[in-house]
Structures are given as structure tokens and as C-alpha cells.
PDB file of N, CA and C in Angstrom:
ATOM      1  N   MET A   1       0.822  -1.198   0.000  1.00  0.00           N
ATOM      2  CA  MET A   1       0.000   0.000   0.000  1.00  0.00           C
ATOM      3  C   MET A   1       0.864   1.259   0.000  1.00  0.00           C
ATOM      4  N   LYS A   2       1.972   1.217   0.788  1.00  0.00           N
ATOM      5  CA  LYS A   2       2.856   2.376   0.848  1.00  0.00           C
ATOM      6  C   LYS A   2       3.535   2.622  -0.489  1.00  0.00           C
ATOM      7  N   LYS A   3       3.853   1.539  -1.206  1.00  0.00           N
ATOM      8  CA  LYS A   3       4.477   1.682  -2.529  1.00  0.00           C
ATOM      9  C   LYS A   3       3.519   2.349  -3.512  1.00  0.00           C
ATOM     10  N   LYS A   4       2.245   1.955  -3.463  1.00  0.00           N
ATOM     11  CA  LYS A   4       1.242   2.559  -4.347  1.00  0.00           C
ATOM     12  C   LYS A   4       1.058   4.039  -4.028  1.00  0.00           C
ATOM     13  N   THR A   5       1.020   4.361  -2.739  1.00  0.00           N
ATOM     14  CA  THR A   5       0.869   5.755  -2.318  1.00  0.00           C
ATOM     15  C   THR A   5       2.056   6.574  -2.787  1.00  0.00           C
ATOM     16  N   MET A   6       3.254   6.023  -2.622  1.00  0.00           N
ATOM     17  CA  MET A   6       4.466   6.726  -3.049  1.00  0.00           C
ATOM     18  C   MET A   6       4.480   6.911  -4.571  1.00  0.00           C
ATOM     19  N   ALA A   7       4.064   5.875  -5.289  1.00  0.00           N
ATOM     20  CA  ALA A   7       4.007   5.946  -6.751  1.00  0.00           C
ATOM     21  C   ALA A   7       3.005   7.009  -7.196  1.00  0.00           C
ATOM     22  N   MET A   8       1.867   7.072  -6.520  1.00  0.00           N
ATOM     23  CA  MET A   8       0.850   8.075  -6.853  1.00  0.00           C
ATOM     24  C   MET A   8       1.364   9.487  -6.583  1.00  0.00           C
ATOM     25  N   LYS A   9       2.077   9.666  -5.484  1.00  0.00           N
ATOM     26  CA  LYS A   9       2.633  10.983  -5.169  1.00  0.00           C
ATOM     27  C   LYS A   9       3.672  11.391  -6.204  1.00  0.00           C
ATOM     28  N   ASN A  10       4.499  10.448  -6.624  1.00  0.00           N
ATOM     29  CA  ASN A  10       5.500  10.730  -7.657  1.00  0.00           C
ATOM     30  C   ASN A  10       4.817  11.096  -8.979  1.00  0.00           C
ATOM     31  N   LYS A  11       3.778  10.359  -9.310  1.00  0.00           N
ATOM     32  CA  LYS A  11       3.028  10.645 -10.535  1.00  0.00           C
ATOM     33  C   LYS A  11       2.384  12.033 -10.454  1.00  0.00           C
ATOM     34  N   GLU A  12       1.855  12.374  -9.281  1.00  0.00           N
ATOM     35  CA  GLU A  12       1.243  13.692  -9.072  1.00  0.00           C
ATOM     36  C   GLU A  12       2.281  14.796  -9.263  1.00  0.00           C
ATOM     37  N   LEU A  13       3.462  14.624  -8.694  1.00  0.00           N
ATOM     38  CA  LEU A  13       4.531  15.616  -8.855  1.00  0.00           C
ATOM     39  C   LEU A  13       4.940  15.750 -10.318  1.00  0.00           C
ATOM     40  N   GLU A  14       5.040  14.607 -10.988  1.00  0.00           N
ATOM     41  CA  GLU A  14       5.409  14.609 -12.403  1.00  0.00           C
ATOM     42  C   GLU A  14       4.367  15.359 -13.232  1.00  0.00           C
ATOM     43  N   LEU A  15       3.095  15.107 -12.972  1.00  0.00           N
ATOM     44  CA  LEU A  15       2.019  15.788 -13.698  1.00  0.00           C
ATOM     45  C   LEU A  15       1.987  17.284 -13.388  1.00  0.00           C
ATOM     46  N   MET A  16       2.264  17.644 -12.135  1.00  0.00           N
ATOM     47  CA  MET A  16       2.296  19.058 -11.769  1.00  0.00           C
ATOM     48  C   MET A  16       3.431  19.772 -12.503  1.00  0.00           C
ATOM     49  N   GLU A  17       4.572  19.123 -12.642  1.00  0.00           N
ATOM     50  CA  GLU A  17       5.699  19.704 -13.379  1.00  0.00           C
ATOM     51  C   GLU A  17       5.347  19.879 -14.849  1.00  0.00           C
ATOM     52  N   LYS A  18       4.710  18.859 -15.437  1.00  0.00           N
ATOM     53  CA  LYS A  18       4.288  18.951 -16.839  1.00  0.00           C
ATOM     54  C   LYS A  18       3.264  20.072 -17.026  1.00  0.00           C
ATOM     55  N   ASN A  19       2.348  20.176 -16.075  1.00  0.00           N
ATOM     56  CA  ASN A  19       1.332  21.226 -16.124  1.00  0.00           C
ATOM     57  C   ASN A  19       1.979  22.605 -16.107  1.00  0.00           C
ATOM     58  N   GLU A  20       2.938  22.781 -15.223  1.00  0.00           N
ATOM     59  CA  GLU A  20       3.634  24.070 -15.129  1.00  0.00           C
ATOM     60  C   GLU A  20       4.398  24.385 -16.416  1.00  0.00           C
ATOM     61  N   MET A  21       5.027  23.357 -16.988  1.00  0.00           N
ATOM     62  CA  MET A  21       5.758  23.540 -18.240  1.00  0.00           C
ATOM     63  C   MET A  21       4.797  23.955 -19.362  1.00  0.00           C
ATOM     64  N   LEU A  22       3.640  23.303 -19.437  1.00  0.00           N
ATOM     65  CA  LEU A  22       2.657  23.649 -20.460  1.00  0.00           C
ATOM     66  C   LEU A  22       2.087  25.045 -20.250  1.00  0.00           C
ATOM     67  N   ARG A  23       1.874  25.431 -19.009  1.00  0.00           N
ATOM     68  CA  ARG A  23       1.389  26.789 -18.719  1.00  0.00           C
ATOM     69  C   ARG A  23       2.395  27.835 -19.187  1.00  0.00           C
ATOM     70  N   SER A  24       3.674  27.579 -18.957  1.00  0.00           N
ATOM     71  CA  SER A  24       4.689  28.550 -19.385  1.00  0.00           C
ATOM     72  C   SER A  24       4.750  28.630 -20.909  1.00  0.00           C
ATOM     73  N   LYS A  25       4.599  27.483 -21.586  1.00  0.00           N
ATOM     74  CA  LYS A  25       4.575  27.501 -23.056  1.00  0.00           C
ATOM     75  C   LYS A  25       3.361  28.271 -23.562  1.00  0.00           C
ATOM     76  N   LEU A  26       2.214  28.020 -22.937  1.00  0.00           N
ATOM     77  CA  LEU A  26       0.979  28.685 -23.346  1.00  0.00           C
ATOM     78  C   LEU A  26       1.066  30.187 -23.157  1.00  0.00           C
ATOM     79  N   SER A  27       1.700  30.624 -22.091  1.00  0.00           N
ATOM     80  CA  SER A  27       1.798  32.062 -21.842  1.00  0.00           C
ATOM     81  C   SER A  27       2.626  32.755 -22.920  1.00  0.00           C
ATOM     82  N   LYS A  28       3.519  32.025 -23.565  1.00  0.00           N
ATOM     83  CA  LYS A  28       4.299  32.614 -24.661  1.00  0.00           C
ATOM     84  C   LYS A  28       3.391  33.013 -25.824  1.00  0.00           C
ATOM     85  N   TYR A  29       2.358  32.218 -26.069  1.00  0.00           N
ATOM     86  CA  TYR A  29       1.477  32.490 -27.199  1.00  0.00           C
ATOM     87  C   TYR A  29       0.452  33.576 -26.906  1.00  0.00           C
ATOM     88  N   ASN A  30       0.162  33.811 -25.663  1.00  0.00           N
ATOM     89  CA  ASN A  30      -0.692  34.915 -25.235  1.00  0.00           C
ATOM     90  C   ASN A  30      -2.045  34.933 -25.951  1.00  0.00           C
ATOM     91  N   LEU A  31      -2.684  33.787 -26.017  1.00  0.00           N
ATOM     92  CA  LEU A  31      -3.971  33.667 -26.693  1.00  0.00           C
ATOM     93  C   LEU A  31      -5.043  34.528 -26.034  1.00  0.00           C
ATOM     94  N   HIS A  32      -4.981  34.657 -24.725  1.00  0.00           N
ATOM     95  CA  HIS A  32      -5.972  35.479 -24.022  1.00  0.00           C
ATOM     96  C   HIS A  32      -5.919  36.925 -24.510  1.00  0.00           C
ATOM     97  N   ARG A  33      -4.727  37.451 -24.710  1.00  0.00           N
ATOM     98  CA  ARG A  33      -4.597  38.834 -25.192  1.00  0.00           C
ATOM     99  C   ARG A  33      -5.168  38.966 -26.596  1.00  0.00           C
ATOM    100  N   ILE A  34      -4.928  37.976 -27.437  1.00  0.00           N
ATOM    101  CA  ILE A  34      -5.462  38.004 -28.802  1.00  0.00           C
ATOM    102  C   ILE A  34      -6.990  38.015 -28.756  1.00  0.00           C
ATOM    103  N   GLU A  35      -7.576  37.200 -27.883  1.00  0.00           N
ATOM    104  CA  GLU A  35      -9.034  37.172 -27.755  1.00  0.00           C
ATOM    105  C   GLU A  35      -9.583  38.520 -27.286  1.00  0.00           C
ATOM    106  N   CYS A  36      -8.920  39.151 -26.324  1.00  0.00           N
ATOM    107  CA  CYS A  36      -9.354  40.466 -25.833  1.00  0.00           C
ATOM    108  C   CYS A  36      -9.244  41.520 -26.930  1.00  0.00           C
ATOM    109  N   ASP A  37      -8.140  41.498 -27.660  1.00  0.00           N
ATOM    110  CA  ASP A  37      -7.961  42.450 -28.751  1.00  0.00           C
ATOM    111  C   ASP A  37      -9.008  42.234 -29.850  1.00  0.00           C
ATOM    112  N   ALA A  38      -9.357  40.982 -30.114  1.00  0.00           N
ATOM    113  CA  ALA A  38     -10.373  40.694 -31.128  1.00  0.00           C
ATOM    114  C   ALA A  38     -11.732  41.236 -30.698  1.00  0.00           C
ATOM    115  N   GLU A  39     -12.040  41.151 -29.403  1.00  0.00           N
ATOM    116  CA  GLU A  39     -13.295  41.714 -28.892  1.00  0.00           C
ATOM    117  C   GLU A  39     -13.334  43.224 -29.067  1.00  0.00           C
ATOM    118  N   ASN A  40     -12.154  43.858 -29.101  1.00  0.00           N
ATOM    119  CA  ASN A  40     -12.059  45.304 -29.304  1.00  0.00           C
ATOM    120  C   ASN A  40     -11.865  45.660 -30.774  1.00  0.00           C
ATOM    121  N   ASP A  41     -12.133  44.700 -31.660  1.00  0.00           N
ATOM    122  CA  ASP A  41     -12.076  44.886 -33.118  1.00  0.00           C
ATOM    123  C   ASP A  41     -10.708  45.308 -33.636  1.00  0.00           C
ATOM    124  N   ILE A  42      -9.657  44.813 -33.036  1.00  0.00           N
ATOM    125  CA  ILE A  42      -8.314  45.052 -33.575  1.00  0.00           C
ATOM    126  C   ILE A  42      -8.105  44.014 -34.666  1.00  0.00           C
ATOM    127  N   PHE A  43      -7.913  44.497 -35.890  1.00  0.00           N
ATOM    128  CA  PHE A  43      -7.939  43.604 -37.049  1.00  0.00           C
ATOM    129  C   PHE A  43      -6.941  42.460 -36.960  1.00  0.00           C
ATOM    130  N   LYS A  44      -5.729  42.714 -36.537  1.00  0.00           N
ATOM    131  CA  LYS A  44      -4.730  41.644 -36.465  1.00  0.00           C
ATOM    132  C   LYS A  44      -5.229  40.493 -35.596  1.00  0.00           C
ATOM    133  N   ALA A  45      -5.828  40.835 -34.474  1.00  0.00           N
ATOM    134  CA  ALA A  45      -6.328  39.817 -33.551  1.00  0.00           C
ATOM    135  C   ALA A  45      -7.524  39.081 -34.152  1.00  0.00           C
ATOM    136  N   VAL A  46      -8.437  39.815 -34.788  1.00  0.00           N
ATOM    137  CA  VAL A  46      -9.603  39.199 -35.426  1.00  0.00           C
ATOM    138  C   VAL A  46      -9.133  38.227 -36.507  1.00  0.00           C
ATOM    139  N   PHE A  47      -8.165  38.668 -37.303  1.00  0.00           N
ATOM    140  CA  PHE A  47      -7.632  37.832 -38.380  1.00  0.00           C
ATOM    141  C   PHE A  47      -6.972  36.570 -37.817  1.00  0.00           C
ATOM    142  N   LEU A  48      -6.163  36.721 -36.775  1.00  0.00           N
ATOM    143  CA  LEU A  48      -5.500  35.563 -36.168  1.00  0.00           C
ATOM    144  C   LEU A  48      -6.507  34.561 -35.607  1.00  0.00           C
ATOM    145  N   LEU A  49      -7.527  35.053 -34.931  1.00  0.00           N
ATOM    146  CA  LEU A  49      -8.549  34.148 -34.402  1.00  0.00           C
ATOM    147  C   LEU A  49      -9.306  33.453 -35.529  1.00  0.00           C
ATOM    148  N   ASP A  50      -9.587  34.177 -36.602  1.00  0.00           N
ATOM    149  CA  ASP A  50     -10.222  33.555 -37.761  1.00  0.00           C
ATOM    150  C   ASP A  50      -9.336  32.435 -38.309  1.00  0.00           C
ATOM    151  N   GLN A  51      -8.049  32.692 -38.409  1.00  0.00           N
ATOM    152  CA  GLN A  51      -7.121  31.684 -38.914  1.00  0.00           C
ATOM    153  C   GLN A  51      -7.108  30.448 -38.015  1.00  0.00           C
ATOM    154  N   LEU A  52      -7.095  30.674 -36.707  1.00  0.00           N
ATOM    155  CA  LEU A  52      -7.077  29.553 -35.768  1.00  0.00           C
ATOM    156  C   LEU A  52      -8.361  28.737 -35.827  1.00  0.00           C
ATOM    157  N   THR A  53      -9.493  29.411 -35.920  1.00  0.00           N
ATOM    158  CA  THR A  53     -10.760  28.691 -35.929  1.00  0.00           C
ATOM    159  C   THR A  53     -11.003  27.983 -37.270  1.00  0.00           C
ATOM    160  N   GLN A  54     -10.458  28.502 -38.352  1.00  0.00           N
ATOM    161  CA  GLN A  54     -10.664  27.903 -39.671  1.00  0.00           C
ATOM    162  C   GLN A  54      -9.604  26.866 -40.024  1.00  0.00           C
ATOM    163  N   TYR A  55      -8.583  26.741 -39.194  1.00  0.00           N
ATOM    164  CA  TYR A  55      -7.417  25.915 -39.509  1.00  0.00           C
ATOM    165  C   TYR A  55      -7.773  24.511 -39.989  1.00  0.00           C
ATOM    166  N   SER A  56      -8.624  23.815 -39.291  1.00  0.00           N
ATOM    167  CA  SER A  56      -8.949  22.439 -39.676  1.00  0.00           C
ATOM    168  C   SER A  56     -10.371  22.302 -40.210  1.00  0.00           C
ATOM    169  N   SER A  57     -10.986  23.412 -40.516  1.00  0.00           N
ATOM    170  CA  SER A  57     -12.366  23.399 -40.998  1.00  0.00           C
ATOM    171  C   SER A  57     -12.418  23.097 -42.491  1.00  0.00           C
ATOM    172  N   SER A  58     -13.355  22.236 -42.875  1.00  0.00           N
ATOM    173  CA  SER A  58     -13.521  21.951 -44.300  1.00  0.00           C
ATOM    174  C   SER A  58     -14.415  22.996 -44.970  1.00  0.00           C
ATOM    175  N   LYS A  59     -15.271  23.661 -44.189  1.00  0.00           N
ATOM    176  CA  LYS A  59     -16.130  24.732 -44.707  1.00  0.00           C
ATOM    177  C   LYS A  59     -15.963  25.952 -43.809  1.00  0.00           C
ATOM    178  N   PRO A  60     -14.934  26.754 -44.063  1.00  0.00           N
ATOM    179  CA  PRO A  60     -14.676  27.899 -43.190  1.00  0.00           C
ATOM    180  C   PRO A  60     -15.763  28.971 -43.290  1.00  0.00           C
ATOM    181  N   LYS A  61     -15.998  29.628 -42.168  1.00  0.00           N
ATOM    182  CA  LYS A  61     -16.923  30.770 -42.104  1.00  0.00           C
ATOM    183  C   LYS A  61     -16.135  31.924 -41.523  1.00  0.00           C
ATOM    184  N   PHE A  62     -15.851  32.903 -42.362  1.00  0.00           N
ATOM    185  CA  PHE A  62     -14.991  34.005 -41.970  1.00  0.00           C
ATOM    186  C   PHE A  62     -15.776  35.157 -41.354  1.00  0.00           C
ATOM    187  N   ASN A  63     -15.118  35.868 -40.469  1.00  0.00           N
ATOM    188  CA  ASN A  63     -15.631  37.067 -39.838  1.00  0.00           C
ATOM    189  C   ASN A  63     -15.815  38.143 -40.927  1.00  0.00           C
ATOM    190  N   GLU A  64     -16.815  38.985 -40.764  1.00  0.00           N
ATOM    191  CA  GLU A  64     -17.088  40.033 -41.761  1.00  0.00           C
ATOM    192  C   GLU A  64     -15.892  40.977 -41.930  1.00  0.00           C
ATOM    193  N   GLN A  65     -15.228  41.302 -40.839  1.00  0.00           N
ATOM    194  CA  GLN A  65     -14.060  42.184 -40.910  1.00  0.00           C
ATOM    195  C   GLN A  65     -12.937  41.527 -41.714  1.00  0.00           C
ATOM    196  N   THR A  66     -12.753  40.240 -41.523  1.00  0.00           N
ATOM    197  CA  THR A  66     -11.739  39.509 -42.284  1.00  0.00           C
ATOM    198  C   THR A  66     -12.102  39.487 -43.761  1.00  0.00           C
ATOM    199  N   LEU A  67     -13.380  39.245 -44.060  1.00  0.00           N
ATOM    200  CA  LEU A  67     -13.818  39.240 -45.458  1.00  0.00           C
ATOM    201  C   LEU A  67     -13.574  40.591 -46.122  1.00  0.00           C
ATOM    202  N   CYS A  68     -13.894  41.643 -45.404  1.00  0.00           N
ATOM    203  CA  CYS A  68     -13.718  42.994 -45.941  1.00  0.00           C
ATOM    204  C   CYS A  68     -12.240  43.278 -46.236  1.00  0.00           C
ATOM    205  N   ASN A  69     -11.377  42.947 -45.286  1.00  0.00           N
ATOM    206  CA  ASN A  69      -9.951  43.200 -45.481  1.00  0.00           C
ATOM    207  C   ASN A  69      -9.346  42.286 -46.541  1.00  0.00           C
ATOM    208  N   CYS A  70      -9.815  41.052 -46.620  1.00  0.00           N
ATOM    209  CA  CYS A  70      -9.333  40.144 -47.661  1.00  0.00           C
ATOM    210  C   CYS A  70      -9.769  40.631 -49.043  1.00  0.00           C
ATOM    211  N   LEU A  71     -10.964  41.184 -49.128  1.00  0.00           N
ATOM    212  CA  LEU A  71     -11.439  41.748 -50.386  1.00  0.00           C
ATOM    213  C   LEU A  71     -10.519  42.881 -50.837  1.00  0.00           C
ATOM    214  N   ILE A  72     -10.179  43.769 -49.924  1.00  0.00           N
ATOM    215  CA  ILE A  72      -9.261  44.873 -50.245  1.00  0.00           C
ATOM    216  C   ILE A  72      -7.907  44.323 -50.663  1.00  0.00           C
ATOM    217  N   TRP A  73      -7.409  43.354 -49.924  1.00  0.00           N
ATOM    218  CA  TRP A  73      -6.115  42.744 -50.220  1.00  0.00           C
ATOM    219  C   TRP A  73      -6.137  42.093 -51.610  1.00  0.00           C
ATOM    220  N   GLN A  74      -7.209  41.358 -51.899  1.00  0.00           N
ATOM    221  CA  GLN A  74      -7.319  40.685 -53.190  1.00  0.00           C
ATOM    222  C   GLN A  74      -7.403  41.693 -54.334  1.00  0.00           C
ATOM    223  N   MET A  75      -8.085  42.820 -54.102  1.00  0.00           N
ATOM    224  CA  MET A  75      -8.204  43.845 -55.143  1.00  0.00           C
ATOM    225  C   MET A  75      -6.869  44.550 -55.375  1.00  0.00           C
ATOM    226  N   LYS A  76      -6.104  44.786 -54.318  1.00  0.00           N
ATOM    227  CA  LYS A  76      -4.828  45.491 -54.451  1.00  0.00           C
ATOM    228  C   LYS A  76      -3.751  44.625 -55.089  1.00  0.00           C
ATOM    229  N   SER A  77      -3.733  43.341 -54.741  1.00  0.00           N
ATOM    230  CA  SER A  77      -2.704  42.460 -55.262  1.00  0.00           C
ATOM    231  C   SER A  77      -3.224  41.031 -55.393  1.00  0.00           C
ATOM    232  N   PRO A  78      -3.917  40.752 -56.488  1.00  0.00           N
ATOM    233  CA  PRO A  78      -4.492  39.417 -56.673  1.00  0.00           C
ATOM    234  C   PRO A  78      -3.458  38.286 -56.634  1.00  0.00           C
ATOM    235  N   LYS A  79      -2.293  38.511 -57.218  1.00  0.00           N
ATOM    236  CA  LYS A  79      -1.271  37.454 -57.236  1.00  0.00           C
ATOM    237  C   LYS A  79      -0.763  37.148 -55.832  1.00  0.00           C
ATOM    238  N   THR A  80      -0.505  38.191 -55.060  1.00  0.00           N
ATOM    239  CA  THR A  80      -0.032  37.992 -53.692  1.00  0.00           C
ATOM    240  C   THR A  80      -1.113  37.314 -52.851  1.00  0.00           C
ATOM    241  N   TYR A  81      -2.351  37.762 -53.011  1.00  0.00           N
ATOM    242  CA  TYR A  81      -3.462  37.167 -52.271  1.00  0.00           C
ATOM    243  C   TYR A  81      -3.570  35.676 -52.584  1.00  0.00           C
ATOM    244  N   ASN A  82      -3.547  35.332 -53.865  1.00  0.00           N
ATOM    245  CA  ASN A  82      -3.663  33.928 -54.263  1.00  0.00           C
ATOM    246  C   ASN A  82      -2.486  33.098 -53.754  1.00  0.00           C
ATOM    247  N   TYR A  83      -1.296  33.667 -53.791  1.00  0.00           N
ATOM    248  CA  TYR A  83      -0.125  32.951 -53.281  1.00  0.00           C
ATOM    249  C   TYR A  83      -0.301  32.654 -51.786  1.00  0.00           C
ATOM    250  N   CYS A  84      -0.704  33.655 -51.035  1.00  0.00           N
ATOM    251  CA  CYS A  84      -0.893  33.475 -49.590  1.00  0.00           C
ATOM    252  C   CYS A  84      -2.022  32.486 -49.311  1.00  0.00           C
ATOM    253  N   LYS A  85      -3.088  32.561 -50.100  1.00  0.00           N
ATOM    254  CA  LYS A  85      -4.219  31.657 -49.920  1.00  0.00           C
ATOM    255  C   LYS A  85      -3.798  30.212 -50.166  1.00  0.00           C
ATOM    256  N   GLU A  86      -2.978  29.986 -51.170  1.00  0.00           N
ATOM    257  CA  GLU A  86      -2.572  28.622 -51.526  1.00  0.00           C
ATOM    258  C   GLU A  86      -1.453  28.083 -50.644  1.00  0.00           C
ATOM    259  N   ASN A  87      -0.589  28.957 -50.117  1.00  0.00           N
ATOM    260  CA  ASN A  87       0.620  28.481 -49.448  1.00  0.00           C
ATOM    261  C   ASN A  87       0.785  28.846 -47.978  1.00  0.00           C
ATOM    262  N   ILE A  88       0.113  29.888 -47.514  1.00  0.00           N
ATOM    263  CA  ILE A  88       0.421  30.386 -46.180  1.00  0.00           C
ATOM    264  C   ILE A  88      -0.743  30.283 -45.212  1.00  0.00           C
ATOM    265  N   SER A  89      -1.884  30.794 -45.587  1.00  0.00           N
ATOM    266  CA  SER A  89      -2.981  30.833 -44.618  1.00  0.00           C
ATOM    267  C   SER A  89      -4.314  30.498 -45.268  1.00  0.00           C
ATOM    268  N   MET A  90      -5.302  30.283 -44.416  1.00  0.00           N
ATOM    269  CA  MET A  90      -6.655  29.977 -44.849  1.00  0.00           C
ATOM    270  C   MET A  90      -7.355  31.299 -45.149  1.00  0.00           C
ATOM    271  N   LEU A  91      -7.602  31.560 -46.415  1.00  0.00           N
ATOM    272  CA  LEU A  91      -8.250  32.803 -46.825  1.00  0.00           C
ATOM    273  C   LEU A  91      -9.500  32.487 -47.637  1.00  0.00           C
ATOM    274  N   PRO A  92     -10.456  33.416 -47.666  1.00  0.00           N
ATOM    275  CA  PRO A  92     -11.681  33.196 -48.439  1.00  0.00           C
ATOM    276  C   PRO A  92     -11.392  33.073 -49.936  1.00  0.00           C
ATOM    277  N   SER A  93     -12.154  32.227 -50.588  1.00  0.00           N
ATOM    278  CA  SER A  93     -11.998  32.045 -52.035  1.00  0.00           C
ATOM    279  C   SER A  93     -12.564  33.253 -52.774  1.00  0.00           C
ATOM    280  N   ARG A  94     -12.289  33.300 -54.063  1.00  0.00           N
ATOM    281  CA  ARG A  94     -12.816  34.387 -54.899  1.00  0.00           C
ATOM    282  C   ARG A  94     -14.345  34.366 -54.880  1.00  0.00           C
ATOM    283  N   ALA A  95     -14.933  33.172 -54.952  1.00  0.00           N
ATOM    284  CA  ALA A  95     -16.401  33.047 -54.929  1.00  0.00           C
ATOM    285  C   ALA A  95     -16.975  33.570 -53.603  1.00  0.00           C
ATOM    286  N   THR A  96     -16.315  33.272 -52.507  1.00  0.00           N
ATOM    287  CA  THR A  96     -16.772  33.766 -51.195  1.00  0.00           C
ATOM    288  C   THR A  96     -16.717  35.288 -51.159  1.00  0.00           C
ATOM    289  N   LEU A  97     -15.648  35.853 -51.686  1.00  0.00           N
ATOM    290  CA  LEU A  97     -15.525  37.320 -51.721  1.00  0.00           C
ATOM    291  C   LEU A  97     -16.598  37.935 -52.615  1.00  0.00           C
ATOM    292  N   GLN A  98     -16.904  37.273 -53.734  1.00  0.00           N
ATOM    293  CA  GLN A  98     -17.949  37.791 -54.623  1.00  0.00           C
ATOM    294  C   GLN A  98     -19.321  37.725 -53.950  1.00  0.00           C
ATOM    295  N   ARG A  99     -19.594  36.647 -53.212  1.00  0.00           N
ATOM    296  CA  ARG A  99     -20.865  36.560 -52.473  1.00  0.00           C
ATOM    297  C   ARG A  99     -20.930  37.642 -51.404  1.00  0.00           C
ATOM    298  N   PHE A 100     -19.803  37.911 -50.775  1.00  0.00           N
ATOM    299  CA  PHE A 100     -19.744  38.961 -49.762  1.00  0.00           C
ATOM    300  C   PHE A 100     -20.060  40.324 -50.382  1.00  0.00           C
ATOM    301  N   ILE A 101     -19.523  40.586 -51.561  1.00  0.00           N
ATOM    302  CA  ILE A 101     -19.786  41.847 -52.270  1.00  0.00           C
ATOM    303  C   ILE A 101     -21.279  41.980 -52.550  1.00  0.00           C
ATOM    304  N   LYS A 102     -21.875  40.940 -53.100  1.00  0.00           N
ATOM    305  CA  LYS A 102     -23.290  40.994 -53.464  1.00  0.00           C
ATOM    306  C   LYS A 102     -24.204  41.089 -52.241  1.00  0.00           C
ATOM    307  N   SER A 103     -23.867  40.365 -51.188  1.00  0.00           N
ATOM    308  CA  SER A 103     -24.737  40.373 -50.008  1.00  0.00           C
ATOM    309  C   SER A 103     -24.652  41.682 -49.226  1.00  0.00           C
ATOM    310  N   ASN A 104     -23.613  42.472 -49.475  1.00  0.00           N
ATOM    311  CA  ASN A 104     -23.461  43.746 -48.769  1.00  0.00           C
ATOM    312  C   ASN A 104     -23.660  44.947 -49.691  1.00  0.00           C
ATOM    313  N   CYS A 105     -24.283  44.700 -50.835  1.00  0.00           N
ATOM    314  CA  CYS A 105     -24.573  45.760 -51.817  1.00  0.00           C
ATOM    315  C   CYS A 105     -23.327  46.555 -52.193  1.00  0.00           C
ATOM    316  N   LEU A 106     -22.215  45.858 -52.318  1.00  0.00           N
ATOM    317  CA  LEU A 106     -20.977  46.503 -52.736  1.00  0.00           C
ATOM    318  C   LEU A 106     -20.719  46.296 -54.224  1.00  0.00           C
ATOM    319  N   ASP A 107     -21.605  45.542 -54.870  1.00  0.00           N
ATOM    320  CA  ASP A 107     -21.432  45.223 -56.281  1.00  0.00           C
ATOM    321  C   ASP A 107     -21.811  46.435 -57.123  1.00  0.00           C
ATOM    322  N   PRO A 108     -20.862  46.966 -57.910  1.00  0.00           N
ATOM    323  CA  PRO A 108     -21.186  48.130 -58.750  1.00  0.00           C
ATOM    324  C   PRO A 108     -22.250  47.832 -59.794  1.00  0.00           C
ATOM    325  N   CYS A 109     -22.456  46.554 -60.128  1.00  0.00           N
ATOM    326  CA  CYS A 109     -23.480  46.186 -61.105  1.00  0.00           C
ATOM    327  C   CYS A 109     -24.836  45.942 -60.464  1.00  0.00           C
ATOM    328  N   ALA A 110     -24.909  46.004 -59.141  1.00  0.00           N
ATOM    329  CA  ALA A 110     -26.182  45.764 -58.445  1.00  0.00           C
ATOM    330  C   ALA A 110     -27.170  46.871 -58.784  1.00  0.00           C
ATOM    331  N   LYS A 111     -28.452  46.507 -58.934  1.00  0.00           N
ATOM    332  CA  LYS A 111     -29.481  47.482 -59.327  1.00  0.00           C
ATOM    333  C   LYS A 111     -29.931  48.348 -58.166  1.00  0.00           C
ATOM    334  N   ASN A 112     -29.933  47.809 -56.940  1.00  0.00           N
ATOM    335  CA  ASN A 112     -30.438  48.564 -55.796  1.00  0.00           C
ATOM    336  C   ASN A 112     -29.292  48.987 -54.874  1.00  0.00           C
ATOM    337  N   VAL A 113     -28.393  49.761 -55.387  1.00  0.00           N
ATOM    338  CA  VAL A 113     -27.288  50.253 -54.561  1.00  0.00           C
ATOM    339  C   VAL A 113     -27.803  51.403 -53.726  1.00  0.00           C
ATOM    340  N   HIS A 114     -27.572  51.329 -52.402  1.00  0.00           N
ATOM    341  CA  HIS A 114     -28.073  52.376 -51.488  1.00  0.00           C
ATOM    342  C   HIS A 114     -27.072  53.479 -51.340  1.00  0.00           C
TER     343      HIS A 114
END
């Protein structure tokens, strides 16, 4: 019984050390700060959270602010946008950006532009 108790205490200490190590690693990434900044509409934080949430998604749903900025980025430099979309990060497709334009009455060909 004493051996089992000692083994459990050793295992507890080992797990506590691992927990502390993981906490220190997590604090380096500062995810809490990114979440707070995203709540305050800081674009970098909103974009990063969108990237994290869409990372393993087969059907990504992007934040409106991200869609708007990606649209501007795609219009300014289509080649760079496409390169980043294919090689670096999860970005909305051209079709998604076009749907965003139409759904927000940003389409210059739309008949009911307000």
C-alpha cells in the first residue's frame, strides 16, 4: 500500500511539473490577449482568431471584418493574395468574396445600390 501511495505521489509531482511547463509555453502564445484584442475589433487579432478557428475546418466561415480586409487585399494584389491563400494561410476564395460583395450591396453592377 505504501508503494502505491508513493508511486501516486510521484506521478502527481510529475504531472504538476508537466502542467507548469505547459502553462509557461501557453503564456508565450498569449492567446488570451489576442481574444481580448479581437473583442475590441483590432484587425490583427480578429484575423489571427479567424485563422485559428478555420485551420482544420472543411467549410470555413470568416468574420465580416476579415472578409472585408481580404477583399481589399485581393483587389490590391491578386497574385499575392492567391499565393498566400494557396501556401500560407486559410483565406476566403474568390467566390466567397464575390458573395460577400453581393450580399453587402458593394457590387457596382447591383441594381439597388443604397
